[in-house]
PDB file of N, CA and C in Angstrom:
ATOM      1  N   MET A   1      52.228  21.284  10.128  1.00  0.00           N
ATOM      2  CA  MET A   1      52.049  21.480  11.552  1.00  0.00           C
ATOM      3  C   MET A   1      53.125  20.747  12.344  1.00  0.00           C
ATOM      4  N   VAL A   2      53.374  19.501  11.957  1.00  0.00           N
ATOM      5  CA  VAL A   2      54.368  18.709  12.684  1.00  0.00           C
ATOM      6  C   VAL A   2      55.757  19.307  12.483  1.00  0.00           C
ATOM      7  N   ALA A   3      56.018  19.848  11.307  1.00  0.00           N
ATOM      8  CA  ALA A   3      57.313  20.484  11.059  1.00  0.00           C
ATOM      9  C   ALA A   3      57.514  21.681  11.993  1.00  0.00           C
ATOM     10  N   LEU A   4      56.468  22.447  12.217  1.00  0.00           N
ATOM     11  CA  LEU A   4      56.559  23.576  13.154  1.00  0.00           C
ATOM     12  C   LEU A   4      56.816  23.078  14.573  1.00  0.00           C
ATOM     13  N   ALA A   5      56.155  21.993  14.948  1.00  0.00           N
ATOM     14  CA  ALA A   5      56.375  21.415  16.277  1.00  0.00           C
ATOM     15  C   ALA A   5      57.805  20.905  16.404  1.00  0.00           C
ATOM     16  N   SER A   6      58.349  20.339  15.337  1.00  0.00           N
ATOM     17  CA  SER A   6      59.734  19.857  15.356  1.00  0.00           C
ATOM     18  C   SER A   6      60.713  21.015  15.524  1.00  0.00           C
ATOM     19  N   ARG A   7      60.433  22.122  14.834  1.00  0.00           N
ATOM     20  CA  ARG A   7      61.298  23.304  14.985  1.00  0.00           C
ATOM     21  C   ARG A   7      61.249  23.844  16.407  1.00  0.00           C
ATOM     22  N   ALA A   8      60.056  23.880  16.974  1.00  0.00           N
ATOM     23  CA  ALA A   8      59.909  24.353  18.356  1.00  0.00           C
ATOM     24  C   ALA A   8      60.640  23.426  19.322  1.00  0.00           C
ATOM     25  N   LEU A   9      60.537  22.124  19.102  1.00  0.00           N
ATOM     26  CA  LEU A   9      61.250  21.149  19.928  1.00  0.00           C
ATOM     27  C   LEU A   9      62.750  21.393  19.855  1.00  0.00           C
ATOM     28  N   ASP A  10      63.272  21.638  18.661  1.00  0.00           N
ATOM     29  CA  ASP A  10      64.707  21.879  18.516  1.00  0.00           C
ATOM     30  C   ASP A  10      65.126  23.160  19.227  1.00  0.00           C
ATOM     31  N   GLN A  11      64.289  24.178  19.215  1.00  0.00           N
ATOM     32  CA  GLN A  11      64.609  25.417  19.934  1.00  0.00           C
ATOM     33  C   GLN A  11      64.674  25.175  21.438  1.00  0.00           C
ATOM     34  N   VAL A  12      63.745  24.381  21.949  1.00  0.00           N
ATOM     35  CA  VAL A  12      63.750  24.052  23.379  1.00  0.00           C
ATOM     36  C   VAL A  12      65.013  23.268  23.716  1.00  0.00           C
ATOM     37  N   ARG A  13      65.344  22.287  22.871  1.00  0.00           N
ATOM     38  CA  ARG A  13      66.543  21.470  23.098  1.00  0.00           C
ATOM     39  C   ARG A  13      67.800  22.340  23.102  1.00  0.00           C
ATOM     40  N   ARG A  14      67.907  23.239  22.138  1.00  0.00           N
ATOM     41  CA  ARG A  14      69.087  24.109  22.061  1.00  0.00           C
ATOM     42  C   ARG A  14      69.244  24.963  23.316  1.00  0.00           C
ATOM     43  N   ALA A  15      68.138  25.462  23.824  1.00  0.00           N
ATOM     44  CA  ALA A  15      68.194  26.288  25.035  1.00  0.00           C
ATOM     45  C   ALA A  15      68.579  25.451  26.248  1.00  0.00           C
ATOM     46  N   GLU A  16      68.131  24.208  26.279  1.00  0.00           N
ATOM     47  CA  GLU A  16      68.355  23.366  27.451  1.00  0.00           C
ATOM     48  C   GLU A  16      69.679  22.615  27.437  1.00  0.00           C
ATOM     49  N   VAL A  17      70.318  22.517  26.290  1.00  0.00           N
ATOM     50  CA  VAL A  17      71.562  21.745  26.205  1.00  0.00           C
ATOM     51  C   VAL A  17      72.651  22.349  27.101  1.00  0.00           C
ATOM     52  N   LYS A  18      72.546  23.637  27.381  1.00  0.00           N
ATOM     53  CA  LYS A  18      73.513  24.278  28.277  1.00  0.00           C
ATOM     54  C   LYS A  18      73.339  23.781  29.705  1.00  0.00           C
ATOM     55  N   LEU A  19      72.088  23.488  30.086  1.00  0.00           N
ATOM     56  CA  LEU A  19      71.796  22.991  31.432  1.00  0.00           C
ATOM     57  C   LEU A  19      71.970  21.484  31.537  1.00  0.00           C
ATOM     58  N   ALA A  20      71.737  20.788  30.441  1.00  0.00           N
ATOM     59  CA  ALA A  20      71.822  19.319  30.425  1.00  0.00           C
ATOM     60  C   ALA A  20      72.676  18.894  29.235  1.00  0.00           C
ATOM     61  N   PRO A  21      73.991  18.817  29.429  1.00  0.00           N
ATOM     62  CA  PRO A  21      74.882  18.452  28.319  1.00  0.00           C
ATOM     63  C   PRO A  21      74.566  17.082  27.713  1.00  0.00           C
ATOM     64  N   GLU A  22      73.807  16.252  28.425  1.00  0.00           N
ATOM     65  CA  GLU A  22      73.429  14.936  27.900  1.00  0.00           C
ATOM     66  C   GLU A  22      72.574  15.056  26.634  1.00  0.00           C
ATOM     67  N   LEU A  23      71.966  16.216  26.446  1.00  0.00           N
ATOM     68  CA  LEU A  23      71.139  16.442  25.260  1.00  0.00           C
ATOM     69  C   LEU A  23      71.975  16.644  24.000  1.00  0.00           C
ATOM     70  N   LYS A  24      73.259  16.935  24.188  1.00  0.00           N
ATOM     71  CA  LYS A  24      74.124  17.158  23.033  1.00  0.00           C
ATOM     72  C   LYS A  24      74.140  15.892  22.174  1.00  0.00           C
ATOM     73  N   GLY A  25      73.935  16.056  20.901  1.00  0.00           N
ATOM     74  CA  GLY A  25      73.915  14.925  19.986  1.00  0.00           C
ATOM     75  C   GLY A  25      72.557  14.252  19.863  1.00  0.00           C
ATOM     76  N   SER A  26      71.532  14.810  20.485  1.00  0.00           N
ATOM     77  CA  SER A  26      70.208  14.175  20.451  1.00  0.00           C
ATOM     78  C   SER A  26      69.298  14.757  19.369  1.00  0.00           C
ATOM     79  N   ARG A  27      69.767  15.742  18.650  1.00  0.00           N
ATOM     80  CA  ARG A  27      68.903  16.458  17.703  1.00  0.00           C
ATOM     81  C   ARG A  27      68.232  15.530  16.697  1.00  0.00           C
ATOM     82  N   TRP A  28      69.017  14.682  16.044  1.00  0.00           N
ATOM     83  CA  TRP A  28      68.450  13.844  14.984  1.00  0.00           C
ATOM     84  C   TRP A  28      67.462  12.831  15.535  1.00  0.00           C
ATOM     85  N   ALA A  29      67.735  12.295  16.705  1.00  0.00           N
ATOM     86  CA  ALA A  29      66.791  11.348  17.313  1.00  0.00           C
ATOM     87  C   ALA A  29      65.477  12.049  17.635  1.00  0.00           C
ATOM     88  N   LEU A  30      65.551  13.276  18.115  1.00  0.00           N
ATOM     89  CA  LEU A  30      64.343  14.017  18.468  1.00  0.00           C
ATOM     90  C   LEU A  30      63.511  14.367  17.239  1.00  0.00           C
ATOM     91  N   LEU A  31      64.165  14.564  16.121  1.00  0.00           N
ATOM     92  CA  LEU A  31      63.446  14.927  14.907  1.00  0.00           C
ATOM     93  C   LEU A  31      62.844  13.711  14.202  1.00  0.00           C
ATOM     94  N   LYS A  32      63.423  12.527  14.446  1.00  0.00           N
ATOM     95  CA  LYS A  32      62.918  11.305  13.817  1.00  0.00           C
ATOM     96  C   LYS A  32      61.699  10.776  14.554  1.00  0.00           C
ATOM     97  N   ARG A  33      60.953   9.935  13.876  1.00  0.00           N
ATOM     98  CA  ARG A  33      59.845   9.228  14.518  1.00  0.00           C
ATOM     99  C   ARG A  33      60.422   8.183  15.459  1.00  0.00           C
ATOM    100  N   ALA A  34      59.738   7.950  16.547  1.00  0.00           N
ATOM    101  CA  ALA A  34      60.206   6.983  17.543  1.00  0.00           C
ATOM    102  C   ALA A  34      60.392   5.595  16.934  1.00  0.00           C
ATOM    103  N   ALA A  35      59.593   5.243  15.965  1.00  0.00           N
ATOM    104  CA  ALA A  35      59.691   3.925  15.330  1.00  0.00           C
ATOM    105  C   ALA A  35      61.006   3.742  14.580  1.00  0.00           C
ATOM    106  N   HIS A  36      61.694   4.826  14.271  1.00  0.00           N
ATOM    107  CA  HIS A  36      62.944   4.751  13.510  1.00  0.00           C
ATOM    108  C   HIS A  36      64.193   4.940  14.364  1.00  0.00           C
ATOM    109  N   TRP A  37      64.057   4.966  15.681  1.00  0.00           N
ATOM    110  CA  TRP A  37      65.211   5.147  16.549  1.00  0.00           C
ATOM    111  C   TRP A  37      66.058   3.884  16.608  1.00  0.00           C
ATOM    112  N   TYR A  38      67.369   4.072  16.729  1.00  0.00           N
ATOM    113  CA  TYR A  38      68.295   2.969  16.987  1.00  0.00           C
ATOM    114  C   TYR A  38      68.277   2.668  18.478  1.00  0.00           C
ATOM    115  N   ARG A  39      68.879   1.556  18.864  1.00  0.00           N
ATOM    116  CA  ARG A  39      68.879   1.140  20.274  1.00  0.00           C
ATOM    117  C   ARG A  39      69.452   2.235  21.181  1.00  0.00           C
ATOM    118  N   LYS A  40      70.580   2.820  20.781  1.00  0.00           N
ATOM    119  CA  LYS A  40      71.208   3.867  21.602  1.00  0.00           C
ATOM    120  C   LYS A  40      70.282   5.079  21.733  1.00  0.00           C
ATOM    121  N   GLN A  41      69.592   5.411  20.665  1.00  0.00           N
ATOM    122  CA  GLN A  41      68.655   6.534  20.698  1.00  0.00           C
ATOM    123  C   GLN A  41      67.461   6.219  21.592  1.00  0.00           C
ATOM    124  N   ILE A  42      67.006   4.983  21.577  1.00  0.00           N
ATOM    125  CA  ILE A  42      65.907   4.572  22.460  1.00  0.00           C
ATOM    126  C   ILE A  42      66.319   4.756  23.911  1.00  0.00           C
ATOM    127  N   ASP A  43      67.528   4.322  24.239  1.00  0.00           N
ATOM    128  CA  ASP A  43      68.027   4.482  25.608  1.00  0.00           C
ATOM    129  C   ASP A  43      68.105   5.959  25.992  1.00  0.00           C
ATOM    130  N   SER A  44      68.588   6.788  25.076  1.00  0.00           N
ATOM    131  CA  SER A  44      68.684   8.228  25.341  1.00  0.00           C
ATOM    132  C   SER A  44      67.309   8.854  25.538  1.00  0.00           C
ATOM    133  N   MET A  45      66.351   8.436  24.741  1.00  0.00           N
ATOM    134  CA  MET A  45      65.007   8.998  24.854  1.00  0.00           C
ATOM    135  C   MET A  45      64.315   8.528  26.132  1.00  0.00           C
ATOM    136  N   HIS A  46      64.605   7.305  26.574  1.00  0.00           N
ATOM    137  CA  HIS A  46      64.064   6.854  27.862  1.00  0.00           C
ATOM    138  C   HIS A  46      64.641   7.702  28.993  1.00  0.00           C
ATOM    139  N   TRP A  47      65.937   7.992  28.906  1.00  0.00           N
ATOM    140  CA  TRP A  47      66.552   8.871  29.913  1.00  0.00           C
ATOM    141  C   TRP A  47      65.872  10.242  29.881  1.00  0.00           C
ATOM    142  N   LEU A  48      65.666  10.751  28.677  1.00  0.00           N
ATOM    143  CA  LEU A  48      65.056  12.072  28.528  1.00  0.00           C
ATOM    144  C   LEU A  48      63.668  12.106  29.160  1.00  0.00           C
ATOM    145  N   GLN A  49      62.861  11.093  28.919  1.00  0.00           N
ATOM    146  CA  GLN A  49      61.503  11.068  29.472  1.00  0.00           C
ATOM    147  C   GLN A  49      61.506  11.068  30.999  1.00  0.00           C
ATOM    148  N   ARG A  50      62.523  10.478  31.595  1.00  0.00           N
ATOM    149  CA  ARG A  50      62.619  10.456  33.064  1.00  0.00           C
ATOM    150  C   ARG A  50      63.278  11.714  33.625  1.00  0.00           C
ATOM    151  N   SER A  51      63.863  12.531  32.770  1.00  0.00           N
ATOM    152  CA  SER A  51      64.663  13.669  33.217  1.00  0.00           C
ATOM    153  C   SER A  51      63.841  14.834  33.764  1.00  0.00           C
ATOM    154  N   GLY A  52      62.618  14.991  33.289  1.00  0.00           N
ATOM    155  CA  GLY A  52      61.811  16.135  33.704  1.00  0.00           C
ATOM    156  C   GLY A  52      62.183  17.424  32.984  1.00  0.00           C
ATOM    157  N   LEU A  53      62.998  17.335  31.949  1.00  0.00           N
ATOM    158  CA  LEU A  53      63.396  18.520  31.190  1.00  0.00           C
ATOM    159  C   LEU A  53      62.250  19.004  30.298  1.00  0.00           C
ATOM    160  N   LYS A  54      62.307  20.279  29.943  1.00  0.00           N
ATOM    161  CA  LYS A  54      61.304  20.846  29.036  1.00  0.00           C
ATOM    162  C   LYS A  54      61.369  20.171  27.669  1.00  0.00           C
ATOM    163  N   THR A  55      62.545  19.710  27.292  1.00  0.00           N
ATOM    164  CA  THR A  55      62.701  19.011  26.020  1.00  0.00           C
ATOM    165  C   THR A  55      61.851  17.749  25.994  1.00  0.00           C
ATOM    166  N   ALA A  56      61.754  17.063  27.116  1.00  0.00           N
ATOM    167  CA  ALA A  56      60.928  15.851  27.192  1.00  0.00           C
ATOM    168  C   ALA A  56      59.462  16.195  26.952  1.00  0.00           C
ATOM    169  N   ARG A  57      59.009  17.264  27.553  1.00  0.00           N
ATOM    170  CA  ARG A  57      57.606  17.676  27.355  1.00  0.00           C
ATOM    171  C   ARG A  57      57.370  18.101  25.909  1.00  0.00           C
ATOM    172  N   ALA A  58      58.320  18.828  25.335  1.00  0.00           N
ATOM    173  CA  ALA A  58      58.191  19.252  23.938  1.00  0.00           C
ATOM    174  C   ALA A  58      58.135  18.037  23.010  1.00  0.00           C
ATOM    175  N   LEU A  59      58.911  17.003  23.319  1.00  0.00           N
ATOM    176  CA  LEU A  59      58.889  15.780  22.514  1.00  0.00           C
ATOM    177  C   LEU A  59      57.527  15.090  22.615  1.00  0.00           C
ATOM    178  N   ARG A  60      56.992  15.005  23.821  1.00  0.00           N
ATOM    179  CA  ARG A  60      55.671  14.383  23.995  1.00  0.00           C
ATOM    180  C   ARG A  60      54.596  15.142  23.208  1.00  0.00           C
ATOM    181  N   LEU A  61      54.656  16.463  23.246  1.00  0.00           N
ATOM    182  CA  LEU A  61      53.683  17.274  22.507  1.00  0.00           C
ATOM    183  C   LEU A  61      53.819  17.068  21.001  1.00  0.00           C
ATOM    184  N   LYS A  62      55.060  17.038  20.515  1.00  0.00           N
ATOM    185  CA  LYS A  62      55.283  16.834  19.085  1.00  0.00           C
ATOM    186  C   LYS A  62      54.760  15.472  18.642  1.00  0.00           C
ATOM    187  N   GLU A  63      55.036  14.434  19.421  1.00  0.00           N
ATOM    188  CA  GLU A  63      54.584  13.089  19.065  1.00  0.00           C
ATOM    189  C   GLU A  63      53.061  12.979  19.123  1.00  0.00           C
ATOM    190  N   ALA A  64      52.440  13.647  20.080  1.00  0.00           N
ATOM    191  CA  ALA A  64      50.975  13.636  20.156  1.00  0.00           C
ATOM    192  C   ALA A  64      50.377  14.315  18.925  1.00  0.00           C
ATOM    193  N   LEU A  65      50.981  15.410  18.504  1.00  0.00           N
ATOM    194  CA  LEU A  65      50.510  16.104  17.307  1.00  0.00           C
ATOM    195  C   LEU A  65      50.717  15.232  16.069  1.00  0.00           C
ATOM    196  N   ARG A  66      51.862  14.573  15.992  1.00  0.00           N
ATOM    197  CA  ARG A  66      52.143  13.689  14.856  1.00  0.00           C
ATOM    198  C   ARG A  66      51.088  12.579  14.770  1.00  0.00           C
ATOM    199  N   GLN A  67      50.712  12.027  15.915  1.00  0.00           N
ATOM    200  CA  GLN A  67      49.702  10.965  15.927  1.00  0.00           C
ATOM    201  C   GLN A  67      48.359  11.474  15.423  1.00  0.00           C
ATOM    202  N   ARG A  68      48.012  12.698  15.774  1.00  0.00           N
ATOM    203  CA  ARG A  68      46.740  13.277  15.320  1.00  0.00           C
ATOM    204  C   ARG A  68      46.690  13.398  13.796  1.00  0.00           C
ATOM    205  N   TYR A  69      47.823  13.763  13.202  1.00  0.00           N
ATOM    206  CA  TYR A  69      47.858  14.013  11.765  1.00  0.00           C
ATOM    207  C   TYR A  69      48.345  12.822  10.955  1.00  0.00           C
ATOM    208  N   GLN A  70      48.640  11.716  11.601  1.00  0.00           N
ATOM    209  CA  GLN A  70      49.164  10.544  10.904  1.00  0.00           C
ATOM    210  C   GLN A  70      48.166   9.988   9.886  1.00  0.00           C
ATOM    211  N   ALA A  71      46.895  10.095  10.167  1.00  0.00           N
ATOM    212  CA  ALA A  71      45.860   9.567   9.277  1.00  0.00           C
ATOM    213  C   ALA A  71      45.610  10.467   8.065  1.00  0.00           C
ATOM    214  N   ARG A  72      46.330  11.577   7.971  1.00  0.00           N
ATOM    215  CA  ARG A  72      46.175  12.543   6.879  1.00  0.00           C
ATOM    216  C   ARG A  72      44.713  12.975   6.711  1.00  0.00           C
ATOM    217  N   PRO A  73      44.205  13.708   7.701  1.00  0.00           N
ATOM    218  CA  PRO A  73      42.799  14.119   7.647  1.00  0.00           C
ATOM    219  C   PRO A  73      42.542  15.131   6.531  1.00  0.00           C
ATOM    220  N   ALA A  74      41.294  15.223   6.145  1.00  0.00           N
ATOM    221  CA  ALA A  74      40.883  16.234   5.169  1.00  0.00           C
ATOM    222  C   ALA A  74      41.104  17.615   5.787  1.00  0.00           C
ATOM    223  N   PRO A  75      41.326  18.636   4.966  1.00  0.00           N
ATOM    224  CA  PRO A  75      41.581  19.979   5.511  1.00  0.00           C
ATOM    225  C   PRO A  75      40.525  20.455   6.507  1.00  0.00           C
ATOM    226  N   ASP A  76      39.261  20.159   6.239  1.00  0.00           N
ATOM    227  CA  ASP A  76      38.205  20.579   7.172  1.00  0.00           C
ATOM    228  C   ASP A  76      38.344  19.872   8.517  1.00  0.00           C
ATOM    229  N   ASP A  77      38.730  18.606   8.480  1.00  0.00           N
ATOM    230  CA  ASP A  77      38.894  17.832   9.712  1.00  0.00           C
ATOM    231  C   ASP A  77      40.172  18.217  10.455  1.00  0.00           C
ATOM    232  N   ALA A  78      41.182  18.657   9.722  1.00  0.00           N
ATOM    233  CA  ALA A  78      42.466  18.995  10.339  1.00  0.00           C
ATOM    234  C   ALA A  78      42.315  20.119  11.361  1.00  0.00           C
ATOM    235  N   ALA A  79      41.501  21.104  11.048  1.00  0.00           N
ATOM    236  CA  ALA A  79      41.302  22.223  11.977  1.00  0.00           C
ATOM    237  C   ALA A  79      40.660  21.753  13.273  1.00  0.00           C
ATOM    238  N   SER A  80      39.663  20.888  13.176  1.00  0.00           N
ATOM    239  CA  SER A  80      39.015  20.405  14.401  1.00  0.00           C
ATOM    240  C   SER A  80      39.949  19.492  15.191  1.00  0.00           C
ATOM    241  N   LEU A  81      40.788  18.711  14.496  1.00  0.00           N
ATOM    242  CA  LEU A  81      41.781  17.880  15.196  1.00  0.00           C
ATOM    243  C   LEU A  81      42.747  18.750  15.993  1.00  0.00           C
ATOM    244  N   LEU A  82      43.185  19.835  15.369  1.00  0.00           N
ATOM    245  CA  LEU A  82      44.102  20.741  16.051  1.00  0.00           C
ATOM    246  C   LEU A  82      43.429  21.390  17.254  1.00  0.00           C
ATOM    247  N   ASP A  83      42.195  21.801  17.109  1.00  0.00           N
ATOM    248  CA  ASP A  83      41.459  22.392  18.234  1.00  0.00           C
ATOM    249  C   ASP A  83      41.354  21.414  19.397  1.00  0.00           C
ATOM    250  N   ARG A  84      41.044  20.153  19.094  1.00  0.00           N
ATOM    251  CA  ARG A  84      40.939  19.149  20.162  1.00  0.00           C
ATOM    252  C   ARG A  84      42.293  18.876  20.795  1.00  0.00           C
ATOM    253  N   TRP A  85      43.354  18.891  19.997  1.00  0.00           N
ATOM    254  CA  TRP A  85      44.695  18.643  20.523  1.00  0.00           C
ATOM    255  C   TRP A  85      45.115  19.772  21.466  1.00  0.00           C
ATOM    256  N   ILE A  86      44.769  21.003  21.115  1.00  0.00           N
ATOM    257  CA  ILE A  86      45.141  22.160  21.927  1.00  0.00           C
ATOM    258  C   ILE A  86      44.396  22.165  23.252  1.00  0.00           C
ATOM    259  N   SER A  87      43.141  21.755  23.250  1.00  0.00           N
ATOM    260  CA  SER A  87      42.343  21.815  24.484  1.00  0.00           C
ATOM    261  C   SER A  87      42.587  20.643  25.407  1.00  0.00           C
TER     262      SER A  87
END
């Protein structure tokens, strides 16, 4: 699920990089977990969160989904977690 969200995030970023050239070079930071960002990537992601770009929203959604599945729920629980995340 998180891999699909990451792919969707990258598609949003690719579409928006034409409007916001600052996104160029941000792909790997966006695909990594926030805990693994370098200082420069942290600064870039803080800028992104303040930018109001669709990429920022896609990143927030991906990270929220990652948090839901971080505990590695049982398959039966995973479906209900996804339903709650969507609503």
